[in-house]
């Protein structure tokens, strides 16, 4: 009897452990497939629209472009710690590698504004091409590249002299841009459905790559080590492109109306923030580039910044009032609900 009771006890323990292991595996599998969730909402308010965000990880600062200014948020508490004002139609921010200066594409004034990253004081205004949008800092040549949408060219600024040293003409309207840190730059050409490769040393265009299955390109992210570009497109697609050859490798599904993209080198994941109100997560560590998560965020949350130090993603949006169309007002103007501008914090 004792032996039988012992066998029965061992059997029950084995079944319990087996079930526990199975449950743990299921939970882990579910976590792996749905790794991210909304962690917090920071209502920071303020009037005006928004465009791109950039993260300064070492000092926990998030730069948010807000039409006539750039708001700077402390990501440790979600509070605005400063503002760079007096701007007209801001689109994006670039940060130098020394931690000293930042550069703002000031779209409606056709200029790049230089600011001190400690005091946030404006230091200089540099005239560039027409309607600068994307802007990046290229470390190998210590230069700033402003991508001008209306004039369809790039203004290259020497970071030492703070002067434009070259103007490079493109095939069409540039949107986002990324750099490999060694002097190679890529930019999405929105109206031509292609990626252009540029050489920062020679200041020339070195390749034009039409994308297959990708239209109206917007956000662009870069896996430098894996030589993969991730271009967010209209039509709910992301194009995965070999950065050595320009060959389109895959077109995984993403949400509608994307405007920004991001990359996690640690987890080998590509992100697309989509205006319909979702964050799409693509597994770039798998050969099929499967979309593993479509995380609900909020309508209008179309731009994002990824912080590799904390594996957190920051998106912004606001509540919008959309009046009904009437015979007297066939195209009513939408307005933002006062005080509703929000930073959405996404993480694990």
C-alpha atoms as a PDB file:
ATOM      1  CA  UNK A   1       0.000   0.000   0.000  1.00  0.00           C
ATOM      2  CA  UNK A   2       2.818   2.369   0.893  1.00  0.00           C
ATOM      3  CA  UNK A   3       4.473   1.680  -2.461  1.00  0.00           C
ATOM      4  CA  UNK A   4       1.180   2.214  -4.292  1.00  0.00           C
ATOM      5  CA  UNK A   5       0.527   5.468  -2.377  1.00  0.00           C
ATOM      6  CA  UNK A   6       4.055   6.627  -3.219  1.00  0.00           C
ATOM      7  CA  UNK A   7       3.546   5.796  -6.886  1.00  0.00           C
ATOM      8  CA  UNK A   8       0.213   7.601  -6.875  1.00  0.00           C
ATOM      9  CA  UNK A   9       1.797  10.654  -5.221  1.00  0.00           C
ATOM     10  CA  UNK A  10       4.662  10.673  -7.726  1.00  0.00           C
ATOM     11  CA  UNK A  11       2.160  10.350 -10.561  1.00  0.00           C
ATOM     12  CA  UNK A  12       0.142  13.325  -9.295  1.00  0.00           C
ATOM     13  CA  UNK A  13       3.330  15.367  -8.868  1.00  0.00           C
ATOM     14  CA  UNK A  14       4.451  14.482 -12.398  1.00  0.00           C
ATOM     15  CA  UNK A  15       1.073  15.473 -13.852  1.00  0.00           C
ATOM     16  CA  UNK A  16       1.118  18.762 -11.885  1.00  0.00           C
ATOM     17  CA  UNK A  17       4.648  19.637 -13.018  1.00  0.00           C
ATOM     18  CA  UNK A  18       3.803  18.711 -16.611  1.00  0.00           C
ATOM     19  CA  UNK A  19       0.716  20.941 -16.559  1.00  0.00           C
ATOM     20  CA  UNK A  20       2.684  23.753 -14.924  1.00  0.00           C
ATOM     21  CA  UNK A  21       5.421  23.497 -17.552  1.00  0.00           C
ATOM     22  CA  UNK A  22       2.820  23.479 -20.295  1.00  0.00           C
ATOM     23  CA  UNK A  23       1.130  26.538 -18.844  1.00  0.00           C
ATOM     24  CA  UNK A  24       4.470  28.333 -18.448  1.00  0.00           C
ATOM     25  CA  UNK A  25       5.367  27.533 -22.038  1.00  0.00           C
ATOM     26  CA  UNK A  26       2.049  28.881 -23.234  1.00  0.00           C
ATOM     27  CA  UNK A  27       2.502  32.072 -21.225  1.00  0.00           C
ATOM     28  CA  UNK A  28       6.062  32.508 -22.469  1.00  0.00           C
ATOM     29  CA  UNK A  29       4.946  31.826 -26.034  1.00  0.00           C
ATOM     30  CA  UNK A  30       2.160  34.372 -25.711  1.00  0.00           C
ATOM     31  CA  UNK A  31       4.599  36.894 -24.244  1.00  0.00           C
ATOM     32  CA  UNK A  32       7.034  36.293 -27.091  1.00  0.00           C
ATOM     33  CA  UNK A  33       4.274  36.785 -29.650  1.00  0.00           C
ATOM     34  CA  UNK A  34       2.795  39.841 -27.904  1.00  0.00           C
ATOM     35  CA  UNK A  35       5.801  41.427 -26.215  1.00  0.00           C
ATOM     36  CA  UNK A  36       4.613  45.033 -25.830  1.00  0.00           C
ATOM     37  CA  UNK A  37       1.800  46.815 -24.028  1.00  0.00           C
ATOM     38  CA  UNK A  38       0.855  50.375 -23.118  1.00  0.00           C
ATOM     39  CA  UNK A  39       2.522  51.177 -19.798  1.00  0.00           C
ATOM     40  CA  UNK A  40       1.556  54.795 -19.224  1.00  0.00           C
ATOM     41  CA  UNK A  41      -0.133  57.886 -20.669  1.00  0.00           C
ATOM     42  CA  UNK A  42       1.363  61.322 -20.060  1.00  0.00           C
ATOM     43  CA  UNK A  43      -1.050  64.162 -20.760  1.00  0.00           C
ATOM     44  CA  UNK A  44       1.237  67.109 -21.373  1.00  0.00           C
ATOM     45  CA  UNK A  45      -1.284  69.314 -23.190  1.00  0.00           C
ATOM     46  CA  UNK A  46      -0.378  72.358 -25.219  1.00  0.00           C
ATOM     47  CA  UNK A  47      -1.666  73.608 -28.554  1.00  0.00           C
ATOM     48  CA  UNK A  48      -0.402  72.827 -32.022  1.00  0.00           C
ATOM     49  CA  UNK A  49       0.150  69.757 -34.147  1.00  0.00           C
ATOM     50  CA  UNK A  50       3.111  67.427 -34.011  1.00  0.00           C
ATOM     51  CA  UNK A  51       5.538  65.542 -36.195  1.00  0.00           C
ATOM     52  CA  UNK A  52       8.667  63.517 -35.451  1.00  0.00           C
ATOM     53  CA  UNK A  53      10.135  62.623 -32.077  1.00  0.00           C
ATOM     54  CA  UNK A  54      13.734  61.824 -31.149  1.00  0.00           C
ATOM     55  CA  UNK A  55      15.071  60.133 -28.019  1.00  0.00           C
ATOM     56  CA  UNK A  56      18.241  61.182 -26.199  1.00  0.00           C
ATOM     57  CA  UNK A  57      18.741  58.059 -24.078  1.00  0.00           C
ATOM     58  CA  UNK A  58      21.753  59.010 -21.903  1.00  0.00           C
ATOM     59  CA  UNK A  59      19.984  62.040 -20.434  1.00  0.00           C
ATOM     60  CA  UNK A  60      16.403  60.661 -20.509  1.00  0.00           C
ATOM     61  CA  UNK A  61      15.086  63.354 -22.839  1.00  0.00           C
ATOM     62  CA  UNK A  62      12.398  63.068 -25.469  1.00  0.00           C
ATOM     63  CA  UNK A  63      12.237  65.848 -28.076  1.00  0.00           C
ATOM     64  CA  UNK A  64       8.761  66.419 -29.559  1.00  0.00           C
ATOM     65  CA  UNK A  65       8.241  68.781 -32.496  1.00  0.00           C
ATOM     66  CA  UNK A  66       5.086  70.900 -32.001  1.00  0.00           C
ATOM     67  CA  UNK A  67       4.694  73.223 -35.026  1.00  0.00           C
ATOM     68  CA  UNK A  68       5.988  76.476 -33.455  1.00  0.00           C
ATOM     69  CA  UNK A  69       8.277  74.882 -30.869  1.00  0.00           C
ATOM     70  CA  UNK A  70      10.006  71.743 -29.621  1.00  0.00           C
ATOM     71  CA  UNK A  71       8.920  70.398 -26.235  1.00  0.00           C
ATOM     72  CA  UNK A  72      11.503  68.479 -24.206  1.00  0.00           C
ATOM     73  CA  UNK A  73      10.121  65.783 -21.895  1.00  0.00           C
ATOM     74  CA  UNK A  74      11.914  63.979 -19.057  1.00  0.00           C
ATOM     75  CA  UNK A  75      11.141  60.299 -19.687  1.00  0.00           C
ATOM     76  CA  UNK A  76      11.663  59.461 -16.007  1.00  0.00           C
ATOM     77  CA  UNK A  77       8.545  61.361 -14.945  1.00  0.00           C
ATOM     78  CA  UNK A  78       6.710  62.456 -18.099  1.00  0.00           C
ATOM     79  CA  UNK A  79       7.112  66.168 -17.368  1.00  0.00           C
ATOM     80  CA  UNK A  80       8.115  68.939 -19.779  1.00  0.00           C
ATOM     81  CA  UNK A  81      11.482  70.281 -18.658  1.00  0.00           C
ATOM     82  CA  UNK A  82      11.924  72.921 -21.334  1.00  0.00           C
ATOM     83  CA  UNK A  83      10.847  74.306 -24.689  1.00  0.00           C
ATOM     84  CA  UNK A  84      12.668  75.627 -27.743  1.00  0.00           C
ATOM     85  CA  UNK A  85      10.331  78.269 -29.129  1.00  0.00           C
ATOM     86  CA  UNK A  86      10.041  80.864 -31.864  1.00  0.00           C
ATOM     87  CA  UNK A  87       9.846  78.286 -34.664  1.00  0.00           C
ATOM     88  CA  UNK A  88       7.637  77.873 -37.730  1.00  0.00           C
ATOM     89  CA  UNK A  89       6.568  74.429 -38.893  1.00  0.00           C
ATOM     90  CA  UNK A  90       9.037  72.161 -37.124  1.00  0.00           C
ATOM     91  CA  UNK A  91       9.377  68.603 -38.381  1.00  0.00           C
ATOM     92  CA  UNK A  92      12.320  66.791 -36.775  1.00  0.00           C
ATOM     93  CA  UNK A  93      15.365  67.040 -34.508  1.00  0.00           C
ATOM     94  CA  UNK A  94      18.918  65.730 -34.965  1.00  0.00           C
ATOM     95  CA  UNK A  95      21.478  65.367 -32.168  1.00  0.00           C
ATOM     96  CA  UNK A  96      25.259  65.537 -32.463  1.00  0.00           C
ATOM     97  CA  UNK A  97      27.529  62.790 -31.103  1.00  0.00           C
ATOM     98  CA  UNK A  98      29.243  65.076 -28.579  1.00  0.00           C
ATOM     99  CA  UNK A  99      26.082  65.754 -26.598  1.00  0.00           C
ATOM    100  CA  UNK A 100      26.376  69.511 -27.127  1.00  0.00           C
ATOM    101  CA  UNK A 101      24.155  70.624 -29.994  1.00  0.00           C
ATOM    102  CA  UNK A 102      20.805  69.829 -31.516  1.00  0.00           C
ATOM    103  CA  UNK A 103      19.413  70.758 -34.934  1.00  0.00           C
ATOM    104  CA  UNK A 104      15.754  71.433 -35.806  1.00  0.00           C
ATOM    105  CA  UNK A 105      14.266  71.375 -39.307  1.00  0.00           C
ATOM    106  CA  UNK A 106      12.261  74.609 -39.339  1.00  0.00           C
ATOM    107  CA  UNK A 107      10.014  73.882 -42.314  1.00  0.00           C
ATOM    108  CA  UNK A 108       8.122  77.079 -43.041  1.00  0.00           C
ATOM    109  CA  UNK A 109      11.187  79.282 -42.557  1.00  0.00           C
ATOM    110  CA  UNK A 110      13.403  77.100 -44.792  1.00  0.00           C
ATOM    111  CA  UNK A 111      16.045  76.887 -42.134  1.00  0.00           C
ATOM    112  CA  UNK A 112      17.795  74.689 -39.602  1.00  0.00           C
ATOM    113  CA  UNK A 113      17.866  76.007 -36.032  1.00  0.00           C
ATOM    114  CA  UNK A 114      20.846  75.091 -33.852  1.00  0.00           C
ATOM    115  CA  UNK A 115      20.328  74.846 -30.079  1.00  0.00           C
ATOM    116  CA  UNK A 116      22.370  74.117 -26.957  1.00  0.00           C
ATOM    117  CA  UNK A 117      21.304  70.773 -25.498  1.00  0.00           C
ATOM    118  CA  UNK A 118      22.066  71.845 -21.924  1.00  0.00           C
ATOM    119  CA  UNK A 119      20.327  75.216 -21.802  1.00  0.00           C
ATOM    120  CA  UNK A 120      17.998  74.682 -24.802  1.00  0.00           C
ATOM    121  CA  UNK A 121      18.974  78.159 -25.972  1.00  0.00           C
ATOM    122  CA  UNK A 122      18.893  78.889 -29.712  1.00  0.00           C
ATOM    123  CA  UNK A 123      22.425  79.462 -31.037  1.00  0.00           C
ATOM    124  CA  UNK A 124      22.084  79.903 -34.798  1.00  0.00           C
ATOM    125  CA  UNK A 125      19.692  79.810 -37.741  1.00  0.00           C
ATOM    126  CA  UNK A 126      21.049  78.345 -40.985  1.00  0.00           C
ATOM    127  CA  UNK A 127      19.217  78.917 -44.314  1.00  0.00           C
ATOM    128  CA  UNK A 128      18.699  75.672 -46.257  1.00  0.00           C
ATOM    129  CA  UNK A 129      16.473  74.441 -49.098  1.00  0.00           C
ATOM    130  CA  UNK A 130      12.715  74.741 -49.327  1.00  0.00           C
ATOM    131  CA  UNK A 131      10.642  73.039 -46.611  1.00  0.00           C
ATOM    132  CA  UNK A 132      13.214  70.967 -44.675  1.00  0.00           C
ATOM    133  CA  UNK A 133      11.611  67.885 -43.143  1.00  0.00           C
ATOM    134  CA  UNK A 134      13.798  64.932 -42.084  1.00  0.00           C
ATOM    135  CA  UNK A 135      17.145  65.823 -40.522  1.00  0.00           C
ATOM    136  CA  UNK A 136      20.006  63.603 -39.319  1.00  0.00           C
ATOM    137  CA  UNK A 137      23.497  63.965 -37.882  1.00  0.00           C
ATOM    138  CA  UNK A 138      26.150  62.033 -39.809  1.00  0.00           C
ATOM    139  CA  UNK A 139      28.985  61.107 -37.380  1.00  0.00           C
ATOM    140  CA  UNK A 140      31.744  60.029 -39.802  1.00  0.00           C
ATOM    141  CA  UNK A 141      31.861  63.472 -41.421  1.00  0.00           C
ATOM    142  CA  UNK A 142      30.454  65.442 -38.468  1.00  0.00           C
ATOM    143  CA  UNK A 143      27.788  66.959 -40.664  1.00  0.00           C
ATOM    144  CA  UNK A 144      24.066  67.673 -40.520  1.00  0.00           C
ATOM    145  CA  UNK A 145      21.812  66.602 -43.398  1.00  0.00           C
ATOM    146  CA  UNK A 146      18.533  68.464 -43.897  1.00  0.00           C
ATOM    147  CA  UNK A 147      16.185  66.811 -46.406  1.00  0.00           C
ATOM    148  CA  UNK A 148      14.136  69.487 -48.155  1.00  0.00           C
ATOM    149  CA  UNK A 149      10.707  68.304 -49.310  1.00  0.00           C
ATOM    150  CA  UNK A 150       9.649  71.096 -51.640  1.00  0.00           C
ATOM    151  CA  UNK A 151      13.012  71.717 -53.330  1.00  0.00           C
ATOM    152  CA  UNK A 152      13.690  67.943 -53.428  1.00  0.00           C
ATOM    153  CA  UNK A 153      17.292  68.193 -52.308  1.00  0.00           C
ATOM    154  CA  UNK A 154      19.566  67.854 -49.292  1.00  0.00           C
ATOM    155  CA  UNK A 155      21.398  70.686 -47.549  1.00  0.00           C
ATOM    156  CA  UNK A 156      24.651  69.424 -45.988  1.00  0.00           C
ATOM    157  CA  UNK A 157      25.826  71.508 -43.025  1.00  0.00           C
ATOM    158  CA  UNK A 158      29.332  71.408 -41.567  1.00  0.00           C
ATOM    159  CA  UNK A 159      28.818  70.994 -37.811  1.00  0.00           C
ATOM    160  CA  UNK A 160      31.986  72.980 -37.019  1.00  0.00           C
ATOM    161  CA  UNK A 161      31.380  76.050 -39.170  1.00  0.00           C
ATOM    162  CA  UNK A 162      27.544  75.743 -39.038  1.00  0.00           C
ATOM    163  CA  UNK A 163      27.409  76.544 -42.757  1.00  0.00           C
ATOM    164  CA  UNK A 164      25.922  74.721 -45.751  1.00  0.00           C
ATOM    165  CA  UNK A 165      28.790  73.106 -47.657  1.00  0.00           C
ATOM    166  CA  UNK A 166      26.838  71.175 -50.310  1.00  0.00           C
ATOM    167  CA  UNK A 167      23.421  70.823 -51.914  1.00  0.00           C
ATOM    168  CA  UNK A 168      22.546  67.395 -53.323  1.00  0.00           C
ATOM    169  CA  UNK A 169      19.563  67.036 -55.652  1.00  0.00           C
ATOM    170  CA  UNK A 170      17.324  63.966 -55.389  1.00  0.00           C
ATOM    171  CA  UNK A 171      14.895  62.106 -57.677  1.00  0.00           C
ATOM    172  CA  UNK A 172      11.854  63.318 -55.787  1.00  0.00           C
ATOM    173  CA  UNK A 173      10.462  64.351 -52.398  1.00  0.00           C
ATOM    174  CA  UNK A 174      12.531  63.001 -49.498  1.00  0.00           C
ATOM    175  CA  UNK A 175      10.752  61.797 -46.376  1.00  0.00           C
ATOM    176  CA  UNK A 176      12.700  59.928 -43.634  1.00  0.00           C
ATOM    177  CA  UNK A 177      16.463  59.291 -43.545  1.00  0.00           C
ATOM    178  CA  UNK A 178      18.915  57.039 -41.679  1.00  0.00           C
ATOM    179  CA  UNK A 179      22.709  56.676 -41.515  1.00  0.00           C
ATOM    180  CA  UNK A 180      25.060  53.747 -40.867  1.00  0.00           C
ATOM    181  CA  UNK A 181      27.575  55.825 -38.902  1.00  0.00           C
ATOM    182  CA  UNK A 182      30.332  55.235 -41.451  1.00  0.00           C
ATOM    183  CA  UNK A 183      29.293  57.740 -44.096  1.00  0.00           C
ATOM    184  CA  UNK A 184      26.414  55.987 -45.886  1.00  0.00           C
ATOM    185  CA  UNK A 185      22.945  57.560 -45.772  1.00  0.00           C
ATOM    186  CA  UNK A 186      19.578  56.304 -47.015  1.00  0.00           C
ATOM    187  CA  UNK A 187      16.430  58.312 -47.621  1.00  0.00           C
ATOM    188  CA  UNK A 188      12.882  57.395 -48.626  1.00  0.00           C
ATOM    189  CA  UNK A 189      11.653  59.175 -51.757  1.00  0.00           C
ATOM    190  CA  UNK A 190       7.943  59.427 -51.025  1.00  0.00           C
ATOM    191  CA  UNK A 191       6.562  60.290 -54.459  1.00  0.00           C
ATOM    192  CA  UNK A 192       8.827  57.917 -56.420  1.00  0.00           C
ATOM    193  CA  UNK A 193       8.444  54.823 -54.187  1.00  0.00           C
ATOM    194  CA  UNK A 194      12.199  54.370 -53.957  1.00  0.00           C
ATOM    195  CA  UNK A 195      15.153  54.551 -51.600  1.00  0.00           C
ATOM    196  CA  UNK A 196      18.201  56.640 -52.506  1.00  0.00           C
ATOM    197  CA  UNK A 197      21.644  55.886 -51.113  1.00  0.00           C
ATOM    198  CA  UNK A 198      24.071  58.749 -50.546  1.00  0.00           C
ATOM    199  CA  UNK A 199      27.779  58.953 -49.732  1.00  0.00           C
ATOM    200  CA  UNK A 200      28.521  61.509 -47.006  1.00  0.00           C
ATOM    201  CA  UNK A 201      32.218  61.705 -47.939  1.00  0.00           C
ATOM    202  CA  UNK A 202      31.753  62.469 -51.644  1.00  0.00           C
ATOM    203  CA  UNK A 203      28.348  64.121 -51.066  1.00  0.00           C
ATOM    204  CA  UNK A 204      26.781  62.281 -53.978  1.00  0.00           C
ATOM    205  CA  UNK A 205      23.873  59.949 -54.706  1.00  0.00           C
ATOM    206  CA  UNK A 206      25.260  56.453 -55.266  1.00  0.00           C
ATOM    207  CA  UNK A 207      22.111  54.369 -55.879  1.00  0.00           C
ATOM    208  CA  UNK A 208      18.361  54.578 -56.584  1.00  0.00           C
ATOM    209  CA  UNK A 209      16.318  51.535 -55.604  1.00  0.00           C
ATOM    210  CA  UNK A 210      12.635  51.224 -56.597  1.00  0.00           C
ATOM    211  CA  UNK A 211      10.701  49.260 -53.989  1.00  0.00           C
ATOM    212  CA  UNK A 212       8.381  46.408 -54.908  1.00  0.00           C
ATOM    213  CA  UNK A 213       4.961  46.460 -53.282  1.00  0.00           C
ATOM    214  CA  UNK A 214       5.552  49.719 -51.417  1.00  0.00           C
ATOM    215  CA  UNK A 215       3.867  53.036 -52.190  1.00  0.00           C
ATOM    216  CA  UNK A 216       4.034  56.485 -50.606  1.00  0.00           C
ATOM    217  CA  UNK A 217       7.002  55.787 -48.334  1.00  0.00           C
ATOM    218  CA  UNK A 218       7.164  57.457 -44.932  1.00  0.00           C
ATOM    219  CA  UNK A 219       9.086  56.121 -41.903  1.00  0.00           C
ATOM    220  CA  UNK A 220      12.480  54.462 -42.295  1.00  0.00           C
ATOM    221  CA  UNK A 221      14.436  52.324 -39.789  1.00  0.00           C
ATOM    222  CA  UNK A 222      17.822  50.652 -40.167  1.00  0.00           C
ATOM    223  CA  UNK A 223      19.397  47.433 -38.881  1.00  0.00           C
ATOM    224  CA  UNK A 224      23.000  48.472 -39.523  1.00  0.00           C
ATOM    225  CA  UNK A 225      24.555  45.159 -38.465  1.00  0.00           C
ATOM    226  CA  UNK A 226      22.079  43.023 -40.383  1.00  0.00           C
ATOM    227  CA  UNK A 227      22.084  45.314 -43.449  1.00  0.00           C
ATOM    228  CA  UNK A 228      18.311  45.699 -43.496  1.00  0.00           C
ATOM    229  CA  UNK A 229      16.183  48.776 -44.137  1.00  0.00           C
ATOM    230  CA  UNK A 230      12.555  48.917 -42.985  1.00  0.00           C
ATOM    231  CA  UNK A 231      10.396  51.325 -44.938  1.00  0.00           C
ATOM    232  CA  UNK A 232       6.826  52.039 -43.801  1.00  0.00           C
ATOM    233  CA  UNK A 233       4.409  52.349 -46.727  1.00  0.00           C
ATOM    234  CA  UNK A 234       0.791  53.155 -47.410  1.00  0.00           C
ATOM    235  CA  UNK A 235      -1.427  50.173 -48.164  1.00  0.00           C
ATOM    236  CA  UNK A 236      -0.621  48.597 -44.790  1.00  0.00           C
ATOM    237  CA  UNK A 237       2.809  47.317 -45.825  1.00  0.00           C
ATOM    238  CA  UNK A 238       6.405  47.561 -44.659  1.00  0.00           C
ATOM    239  CA  UNK A 239       9.180  46.908 -47.164  1.00  0.00           C
ATOM    240  CA  UNK A 240      12.246  45.046 -45.874  1.00  0.00           C
ATOM    241  CA  UNK A 241      15.184  45.962 -48.107  1.00  0.00           C
ATOM    242  CA  UNK A 242      18.758  44.655 -48.314  1.00  0.00           C
ATOM    243  CA  UNK A 243      20.891  47.773 -47.725  1.00  0.00           C
ATOM    244  CA  UNK A 244      23.780  46.314 -49.742  1.00  0.00           C
ATOM    245  CA  UNK A 245      21.859  45.477 -52.906  1.00  0.00           C
ATOM    246  CA  UNK A 246      18.550  47.341 -52.709  1.00  0.00           C
ATOM    247  CA  UNK A 247      16.607  44.105 -53.158  1.00  0.00           C
ATOM    248  CA  UNK A 248      13.153  43.944 -51.564  1.00  0.00           C
ATOM    249  CA  UNK A 249      13.106  40.889 -49.273  1.00  0.00           C
ATOM    250  CA  UNK A 250       9.602  40.995 -47.804  1.00  0.00           C
ATOM    251  CA  UNK A 251       6.502  43.143 -47.357  1.00  0.00           C
ATOM    252  CA  UNK A 252       5.027  42.305 -43.940  1.00  0.00           C
ATOM    253  CA  UNK A 253       1.632  43.696 -42.987  1.00  0.00           C
ATOM    254  CA  UNK A 254       1.388  46.756 -40.748  1.00  0.00           C
ATOM    255  CA  UNK A 255      -1.354  49.192 -39.758  1.00  0.00           C
ATOM    256  CA  UNK A 256      -2.860  51.930 -41.878  1.00  0.00           C
ATOM    257  CA  UNK A 257      -1.409  55.449 -42.311  1.00  0.00           C
ATOM    258  CA  UNK A 258       2.115  54.865 -40.921  1.00  0.00           C
ATOM    259  CA  UNK A 259       4.487  57.809 -40.556  1.00  0.00           C
ATOM    260  CA  UNK A 260       7.468  56.543 -38.557  1.00  0.00           C
ATOM    261  CA  UNK A 261       9.504  53.399 -38.013  1.00  0.00           C
ATOM    262  CA  UNK A 262      11.908  52.103 -35.395  1.00  0.00           C
ATOM    263  CA  UNK A 263      14.408  49.320 -34.786  1.00  0.00           C
ATOM    264  CA  UNK A 264      15.451  47.279 -31.740  1.00  0.00           C
ATOM    265  CA  UNK A 265      18.908  45.778 -32.284  1.00  0.00           C
ATOM    266  CA  UNK A 266      18.683  43.778 -29.060  1.00  0.00           C
ATOM    267  CA  UNK A 267      15.398  42.062 -29.887  1.00  0.00           C
ATOM    268  CA  UNK A 268      15.659  42.231 -33.701  1.00  0.00           C
ATOM    269  CA  UNK A 269      12.270  43.854 -34.034  1.00  0.00           C
ATOM    270  CA  UNK A 270      11.084  46.541 -36.436  1.00  0.00           C
ATOM    271  CA  UNK A 271       8.268  48.919 -35.507  1.00  0.00           C
ATOM    272  CA  UNK A 272       5.791  51.043 -37.453  1.00  0.00           C
ATOM    273  CA  UNK A 273       3.595  53.637 -35.753  1.00  0.00           C
ATOM    274  CA  UNK A 274       0.327  53.954 -37.637  1.00  0.00           C
ATOM    275  CA  UNK A 275      -2.237  56.745 -37.641  1.00  0.00           C
ATOM    276  CA  UNK A 276      -5.174  54.351 -37.468  1.00  0.00           C
ATOM    277  CA  UNK A 277      -4.149  53.768 -33.845  1.00  0.00           C
ATOM    278  CA  UNK A 278      -1.843  50.727 -33.769  1.00  0.00           C
ATOM    279  CA  UNK A 279       1.840  49.951 -33.319  1.00  0.00           C
ATOM    280  CA  UNK A 280       2.943  47.139 -35.633  1.00  0.00           C
ATOM    281  CA  UNK A 281       5.841  44.920 -34.509  1.00  0.00           C
ATOM    282  CA  UNK A 282       7.734  42.842 -37.101  1.00  0.00           C
ATOM    283  CA  UNK A 283      10.090  39.987 -36.171  1.00  0.00           C
ATOM    284  CA  UNK A 284      13.208  40.699 -38.226  1.00  0.00           C
ATOM    285  CA  UNK A 285      15.052  37.806 -36.620  1.00  0.00           C
ATOM    286  CA  UNK A 286      12.886  35.353 -38.564  1.00  0.00           C
ATOM    287  CA  UNK A 287      13.315  34.582 -42.233  1.00  0.00           C
ATOM    288  CA  UNK A 288       9.673  35.342 -43.046  1.00  0.00           C
ATOM    289  CA  UNK A 289       9.607  38.756 -41.285  1.00  0.00           C
ATOM    290  CA  UNK A 290       6.319  37.942 -39.608  1.00  0.00           C
ATOM    291  CA  UNK A 291       4.235  40.654 -37.920  1.00  0.00           C
ATOM    292  CA  UNK A 292       4.020  39.375 -34.356  1.00  0.00           C
ATOM    293  CA  UNK A 293       1.973  42.129 -32.744  1.00  0.00           C
ATOM    294  CA  UNK A 294      -0.547  44.799 -33.641  1.00  0.00           C
ATOM    295  CA  UNK A 295      -0.806  46.811 -30.440  1.00  0.00           C
ATOM    296  CA  UNK A 296      -3.755  49.227 -30.084  1.00  0.00           C
ATOM    297  CA  UNK A 297      -2.504  52.705 -29.179  1.00  0.00           C
ATOM    298  CA  UNK A 298      -4.716  55.673 -30.086  1.00  0.00           C
ATOM    299  CA  UNK A 299      -5.974  57.201 -33.306  1.00  0.00           C
ATOM    300  CA  UNK A 300      -3.463  59.691 -34.678  1.00  0.00           C
ATOM    301  CA  UNK A 301      -0.424  58.128 -32.958  1.00  0.00           C
ATOM    302  CA  UNK A 302       1.550  58.027 -36.209  1.00  0.00           C
ATOM    303  CA  UNK A 303       5.021  59.062 -35.048  1.00  0.00           C
ATOM    304  CA  UNK A 304       7.325  57.396 -32.538  1.00  0.00           C
ATOM    305  CA  UNK A 305      10.752  57.254 -30.947  1.00  0.00           C
ATOM    306  CA  UNK A 306      12.440  54.094 -29.647  1.00  0.00           C
ATOM    307  CA  UNK A 307      14.702  54.118 -26.573  1.00  0.00           C
ATOM    308  CA  UNK A 308      17.127  51.170 -26.826  1.00  0.00           C
ATOM    309  CA  UNK A 309      18.335  51.682 -23.250  1.00  0.00           C
ATOM    310  CA  UNK A 310      14.921  50.914 -21.750  1.00  0.00           C
ATOM    311  CA  UNK A 311      13.236  49.068 -24.657  1.00  0.00           C
ATOM    312  CA  UNK A 312      10.444  51.613 -24.557  1.00  0.00           C
ATOM    313  CA  UNK A 313       8.561  53.252 -27.395  1.00  0.00           C
ATOM    314  CA  UNK A 314       7.095  56.729 -27.193  1.00  0.00           C
ATOM    315  CA  UNK A 315       4.194  57.812 -29.392  1.00  0.00           C
ATOM    316  CA  UNK A 316       2.151  61.024 -29.366  1.00  0.00           C
ATOM    317  CA  UNK A 317      -1.386  61.966 -30.282  1.00  0.00           C
ATOM    318  CA  UNK A 318      -4.379  64.028 -29.178  1.00  0.00           C
ATOM    319  CA  UNK A 319      -8.153  63.819 -29.174  1.00  0.00           C
ATOM    320  CA  UNK A 320      -9.566  65.364 -32.340  1.00  0.00           C
ATOM    321  CA  UNK A 321     -13.031  66.840 -32.820  1.00  0.00           C
ATOM    322  CA  UNK A 322     -14.297  66.085 -36.322  1.00  0.00           C
ATOM    323  CA  UNK A 323     -17.504  68.030 -37.029  1.00  0.00           C
ATOM    324  CA  UNK A 324     -20.134  66.514 -39.297  1.00  0.00           C
ATOM    325  CA  UNK A 325     -20.345  67.686 -42.879  1.00  0.00           C
ATOM    326  CA  UNK A 326     -23.300  69.861 -43.775  1.00  0.00           C
ATOM    327  CA  UNK A 327     -24.486  71.636 -46.906  1.00  0.00           C
ATOM    328  CA  UNK A 328     -23.277  74.914 -45.427  1.00  0.00           C
ATOM    329  CA  UNK A 329     -19.935  73.406 -44.299  1.00  0.00           C
ATOM    330  CA  UNK A 330     -18.973  70.578 -46.675  1.00  0.00           C
ATOM    331  CA  UNK A 331     -15.374  70.477 -45.396  1.00  0.00           C
ATOM    332  CA  UNK A 332     -15.477  71.314 -41.689  1.00  0.00           C
ATOM    333  CA  UNK A 333     -12.176  71.938 -39.955  1.00  0.00           C
ATOM    334  CA  UNK A 334     -11.118  69.417 -37.318  1.00  0.00           C
ATOM    335  CA  UNK A 335      -9.837  70.784 -34.023  1.00  0.00           C
ATOM    336  CA  UNK A 336      -7.793  69.354 -31.191  1.00  0.00           C
ATOM    337  CA  UNK A 337      -9.466  68.973 -27.809  1.00  0.00           C
ATOM    338  CA  UNK A 338      -7.678  71.437 -25.484  1.00  0.00           C
ATOM    339  CA  UNK A 339      -5.262  69.763 -23.072  1.00  0.00           C
ATOM    340  CA  UNK A 340      -5.569  66.346 -24.736  1.00  0.00           C
ATOM    341  CA  UNK A 341      -2.076  66.063 -26.250  1.00  0.00           C
ATOM    342  CA  UNK A 342      -0.632  62.823 -24.847  1.00  0.00           C
ATOM    343  CA  UNK A 343       2.581  60.803 -24.854  1.00  0.00           C
ATOM    344  CA  UNK A 344       1.858  57.065 -25.009  1.00  0.00           C
ATOM    345  CA  UNK A 345       4.527  54.964 -23.296  1.00  0.00           C
ATOM    346  CA  UNK A 346       4.869  51.407 -24.624  1.00  0.00           C
ATOM    347  CA  UNK A 347       7.123  48.731 -23.163  1.00  0.00           C
ATOM    348  CA  UNK A 348       7.314  45.176 -21.889  1.00  0.00           C
END
